[in-house]
Amino acid sequence: MPGVTVSATMREYLAEIYRLQVGPDGATTSALAERLEVSPSAVVRMLRRLDETGLLKHTPYHGVELSPEGTREALRGIRRHRLLEVFLVKVMGFGWDEVHTEAHGLDAGMTDAFEDRMDQLCGYPTHCPHGDPIPTRAGQIAPIEDSPLLDATVGQSARVNRVKSDEPAKLRYLAELGLVPGAPITVLGRAPFNGPMRLQVGLGRDAREHVIGSEVAKCLRIGASV
């Protein structure tokens, strides 16, 4: 795609397509419209444009597939967004519940030099405040090896790896419970049929017990055992 200029809006679409493609339901037109808060017809027009530029392949009614160049541009957008989130928390003092909204759109006019300085000021972070990996400048992203908390068994110990929510109220609640990336947890009990889960959060004298519902539990991904 020599000579093609990738706009901030195009990169935003590509980044959202990438996120949806690694999820269970894929990048459908309706899912993109919902996530980007635009009309389905606007999504179709943009997908056609991205297809014409070689950034993806769009087959109507069958979804989309990013090209190698489209994947690189998507990861570039994701990198900048997640770096901005870290910058807003570490340097500007925002809460992790505020940064998703604040970071949205700020990367539109960002230069490579600004991106590099932000990376340096934040100590070259590898993950965003919610635990998602930050792609490298070369377009590489660390593999994600975790599983839903809802799949955990009673007695299982693990650490919170990622928090998959951008709802401010939910993020504030999780922070109050100590359910943030890196927190050690143990499943003490759970009710059947997607009922509440009883968790120990923390270790030793600092450990606390909490009961959370499935709506909160489904936001949490857990990694290696403690």
Protein backbone atom coordinates (compact mmCIF):
# COMPACT_ATOMS: atom_id res chain seq x y z
CA MET A 1 0.00 0.00 0.00
CA PRO A 2 2.71 2.52 -1.01
CA GLY A 3 1.64 6.14 -0.74
CA VAL A 4 -1.38 5.43 1.48
CA THR A 5 -1.75 7.77 4.42
CA VAL A 6 -3.34 6.08 7.43
CA SER A 7 -5.49 8.59 9.27
CA ALA A 8 -6.18 8.52 13.00
CA THR A 9 -9.74 7.35 12.30
CA MET A 10 -8.53 4.50 10.08
CA ARG A 11 -6.05 3.43 12.75
CA GLU A 12 -8.80 3.54 15.38
CA TYR A 13 -10.90 1.15 13.30
CA LEU A 14 -7.93 -1.13 12.72
CA ALA A 15 -7.10 -1.21 16.43
CA GLU A 16 -10.69 -2.06 17.37
CA ILE A 17 -10.82 -4.77 14.69
CA TYR A 18 -7.64 -6.27 16.16
CA ARG A 19 -9.12 -6.27 19.68
CA LEU A 20 -12.33 -7.89 18.48
CA GLN A 21 -10.53 -10.50 16.38
CA VAL A 22 -8.71 -11.87 19.42
CA GLY A 23 -12.03 -12.11 21.28
CA PRO A 24 -14.60 -14.90 21.13
CA ASP A 25 -17.06 -13.28 18.73
CA GLY A 26 -14.80 -11.77 16.09
CA ALA A 27 -14.93 -8.38 14.36
CA THR A 28 -18.46 -8.12 13.00
CA THR A 29 -20.01 -4.94 11.60
CA SER A 30 -22.46 -4.73 14.48
CA ALA A 31 -19.74 -5.24 17.10
CA LEU A 32 -17.59 -2.53 15.52
CA ALA A 33 -20.54 -0.13 15.37
CA GLU A 34 -21.26 -0.71 19.05
CA ARG A 35 -17.64 -0.35 20.21
CA LEU A 36 -16.95 2.74 18.09
CA GLU A 37 -20.39 4.26 18.71
CA VAL A 38 -21.12 4.81 15.04
CA SER A 39 -23.80 3.56 12.66
CA PRO A 40 -23.45 0.20 10.87
CA SER A 41 -23.50 2.06 7.55
CA ALA A 42 -20.52 4.16 8.66
CA VAL A 43 -18.66 0.95 9.56
CA VAL A 44 -19.40 -0.55 6.14
CA ARG A 45 -18.07 2.56 4.37
CA MET A 46 -14.86 2.52 6.41
CA LEU A 47 -14.36 -1.22 5.90
CA ARG A 48 -14.69 -0.70 2.16
CA ARG A 49 -12.07 2.06 2.31
CA LEU A 50 -9.68 -0.05 4.39
CA ASP A 51 -10.16 -2.94 1.98
CA GLU A 52 -9.35 -0.73 -0.99
CA THR A 53 -6.11 0.44 0.65
CA GLY A 54 -5.01 -3.14 1.36
CA LEU A 55 -5.19 -2.84 5.14
CA LEU A 56 -7.75 -5.60 5.46
CA LYS A 57 -9.93 -7.99 3.51
CA HIS A 58 -13.65 -7.48 3.98
CA THR A 59 -16.12 -10.14 2.90
CA PRO A 60 -19.69 -8.90 3.43
CA TYR A 61 -21.62 -11.00 5.98
CA HIS A 62 -18.44 -12.95 6.81
CA GLY A 63 -16.35 -10.43 8.75
CA VAL A 64 -12.90 -8.97 8.16
CA GLU A 65 -9.28 -10.06 8.25
CA LEU A 66 -6.40 -7.65 8.78
CA SER A 67 -3.51 -7.70 6.34
CA PRO A 68 0.06 -7.72 7.73
CA GLU A 69 0.27 -3.95 7.19
CA GLY A 70 -3.16 -3.50 8.75
CA THR A 71 -2.04 -5.48 11.78
CA ARG A 72 1.06 -3.28 12.17
CA GLU A 73 -1.05 -0.13 12.02
CA ALA A 74 -3.55 -1.61 14.50
CA LEU A 75 -0.77 -2.43 16.96
CA ARG A 76 0.67 1.06 16.49
CA GLY A 77 -2.68 2.53 17.52
CA ILE A 78 -3.01 0.15 20.47
CA ARG A 79 0.53 0.98 21.62
CA ARG A 80 -0.14 4.69 21.67
CA HIS A 81 -3.46 4.32 23.47
CA ARG A 82 -2.01 2.08 26.19
CA LEU A 83 1.08 4.26 26.60
CA LEU A 84 -1.22 7.24 27.02
CA GLU A 85 -3.12 5.41 29.73
CA VAL A 86 0.11 4.72 31.62
CA PHE A 87 1.23 8.33 31.16
CA LEU A 88 -2.08 9.65 32.47
CA VAL A 89 -1.80 7.48 35.60
CA LYS A 90 1.93 7.77 36.35
CA VAL A 91 2.67 11.32 35.29
CA MET A 92 -0.63 13.18 35.40
CA GLY A 93 -2.21 11.45 38.38
CA PHE A 94 -5.43 10.21 36.80
CA GLY A 95 -7.14 7.13 38.20
CA TRP A 96 -7.18 3.92 36.20
CA ASP A 97 -10.94 4.34 35.95
CA GLU A 98 -10.53 7.64 34.06
CA VAL A 99 -7.79 6.95 31.54
CA HIS A 100 -9.67 5.06 28.83
CA THR A 101 -11.94 8.03 28.16
CA GLU A 102 -9.20 10.62 28.62
CA ALA A 103 -6.80 8.82 26.26
CA HIS A 104 -9.39 8.50 23.52
CA GLY A 105 -8.49 10.84 20.68
CA LEU A 106 -5.30 12.18 22.26
CA ASP A 107 -3.17 10.02 19.99
CA ALA A 108 -4.64 11.53 16.82
CA GLY A 109 -1.85 14.07 16.36
CA MET A 110 0.88 12.25 18.25
CA THR A 111 4.33 12.18 16.68
CA ASP A 112 6.91 9.42 17.03
CA ALA A 113 9.07 11.76 19.13
CA PHE A 114 6.21 12.45 21.53
CA GLU A 115 5.50 8.72 21.78
CA ASP A 116 9.15 7.97 22.56
CA ARG A 117 9.35 10.69 25.23
CA MET A 118 6.16 9.45 26.86
CA ASP A 119 7.58 5.92 26.88
CA GLN A 120 10.79 7.17 28.52
CA LEU A 121 8.99 9.24 31.17
CA CYS A 122 6.89 6.23 32.14
CA GLY A 123 9.93 3.95 32.51
CA TYR A 124 9.32 1.92 29.33
CA PRO A 125 6.19 0.13 30.58
CA THR A 126 5.25 -3.27 29.18
CA HIS A 127 1.60 -3.25 30.27
CA CYS A 128 -1.20 -0.70 30.59
CA PRO A 129 -2.89 0.02 33.96
CA HIS A 130 -5.47 -2.69 33.23
CA GLY A 131 -2.85 -5.36 32.55
CA ASP A 132 -2.93 -5.51 28.76
CA PRO A 133 0.47 -5.78 27.02
CA ILE A 134 1.82 -2.72 25.22
CA PRO A 135 3.05 -3.49 21.68
CA THR A 136 6.63 -2.53 20.82
CA ARG A 137 7.54 0.12 18.27
CA ALA A 138 8.44 -2.77 15.94
CA GLY A 139 4.83 -4.02 16.04
CA GLN A 140 5.37 -6.98 18.32
CA ILE A 141 3.04 -7.81 21.20
CA ALA A 142 3.62 -10.26 24.04
CA PRO A 143 1.42 -13.38 23.99
CA ILE A 144 -1.40 -13.37 26.52
CA GLU A 145 -1.55 -16.46 28.67
CA ASP A 146 -4.42 -16.22 31.10
CA SER A 147 -7.93 -17.51 31.63
CA PRO A 148 -11.27 -16.18 32.88
CA LEU A 149 -11.69 -16.10 36.65
CA LEU A 150 -15.08 -17.72 36.06
CA ASP A 151 -13.25 -20.88 34.92
CA ALA A 152 -11.28 -21.16 38.18
CA THR A 153 -11.99 -23.98 40.63
CA VAL A 154 -12.45 -23.77 44.37
CA GLY A 155 -9.07 -23.82 46.09
CA GLN A 156 -7.23 -22.47 43.07
CA SER A 157 -4.68 -19.71 43.69
CA ALA A 158 -3.59 -17.29 40.99
CA ARG A 159 -2.84 -13.67 40.26
CA VAL A 160 -5.06 -11.16 38.53
CA ASN A 161 -3.52 -10.73 35.10
CA ARG A 162 -5.90 -8.36 33.29
CA VAL A 163 -9.08 -6.42 33.99
CA LYS A 164 -11.33 -6.33 30.94
CA SER A 165 -13.59 -3.38 31.58
CA ASP A 166 -13.54 0.32 30.79
CA GLU A 167 -16.55 1.14 32.97
CA PRO A 168 -15.37 3.70 35.55
CA ALA A 169 -17.73 2.60 38.33
CA LYS A 170 -16.75 -1.05 37.92
CA LEU A 171 -13.04 -0.22 37.88
CA ARG A 172 -13.37 1.86 41.05
CA TYR A 173 -15.19 -1.02 42.76
CA LEU A 174 -12.53 -3.52 41.72
CA ALA A 175 -9.80 -1.21 43.02
CA GLU A 176 -11.60 -0.94 46.37
CA LEU A 177 -11.53 -4.74 46.61
CA GLY A 178 -7.86 -4.88 45.63
CA LEU A 179 -8.68 -6.79 42.45
CA VAL A 180 -6.08 -5.14 40.25
CA PRO A 181 -3.39 -6.61 37.96
CA GLY A 182 -0.80 -8.49 40.00
CA ALA A 183 -3.05 -9.11 43.01
CA PRO A 184 -2.83 -12.65 44.43
CA ILE A 185 -6.19 -14.36 44.90
CA THR A 186 -7.55 -17.71 46.05
CA VAL A 187 -11.02 -19.00 45.21
CA LEU A 188 -12.56 -19.98 48.54
CA GLY A 189 -16.00 -20.93 47.28
CA ARG A 190 -18.58 -20.39 44.57
CA ALA A 191 -22.29 -20.89 44.18
CA PRO A 192 -23.59 -23.01 41.28
CA PHE A 193 -25.17 -21.67 38.09
CA ASN A 194 -22.94 -18.60 37.79
CA GLY A 195 -23.59 -17.62 41.38
CA PRO A 196 -21.31 -15.44 43.53
CA MET A 197 -17.66 -16.30 44.11
CA ARG A 198 -15.91 -15.96 47.47
CA LEU A 199 -12.30 -14.85 47.12
CA GLN A 200 -9.31 -14.26 49.31
CA VAL A 201 -7.48 -11.22 47.97
CA GLY A 202 -3.88 -10.74 49.09
CA LEU A 203 -1.55 -12.85 51.18
CA GLY A 204 -0.80 -13.30 54.87
CA ARG A 205 -2.00 -10.69 57.35
CA ASP A 206 -3.02 -8.34 54.52
CA ALA A 207 -5.43 -10.86 52.98
CA ARG A 208 -9.10 -9.96 52.80
CA GLU A 209 -12.18 -11.93 51.82
CA HIS A 210 -14.72 -10.64 49.33
CA VAL A 211 -17.78 -12.02 47.59
CA ILE A 212 -18.28 -10.92 44.00
CA GLY A 213 -21.01 -11.65 41.49
CA SER A 214 -20.53 -13.13 38.04
CA GLU A 215 -20.93 -9.70 36.42
CA VAL A 216 -17.77 -8.54 38.18
CA ALA A 217 -15.94 -11.88 37.97
CA LYS A 218 -16.26 -12.02 34.18
CA CYS A 219 -14.10 -8.86 33.93
CA LEU A 220 -11.11 -10.61 35.51
CA ARG A 221 -8.48 -12.76 33.80
CA ILE A 222 -6.08 -14.73 35.95
CA GLY A 223 -2.56 -15.92 35.25
CA ALA A 224 -0.01 -18.17 36.87
CA SER A 225 -0.62 -19.66 40.29
CA VAL A 226 0.76 -17.82 43.31
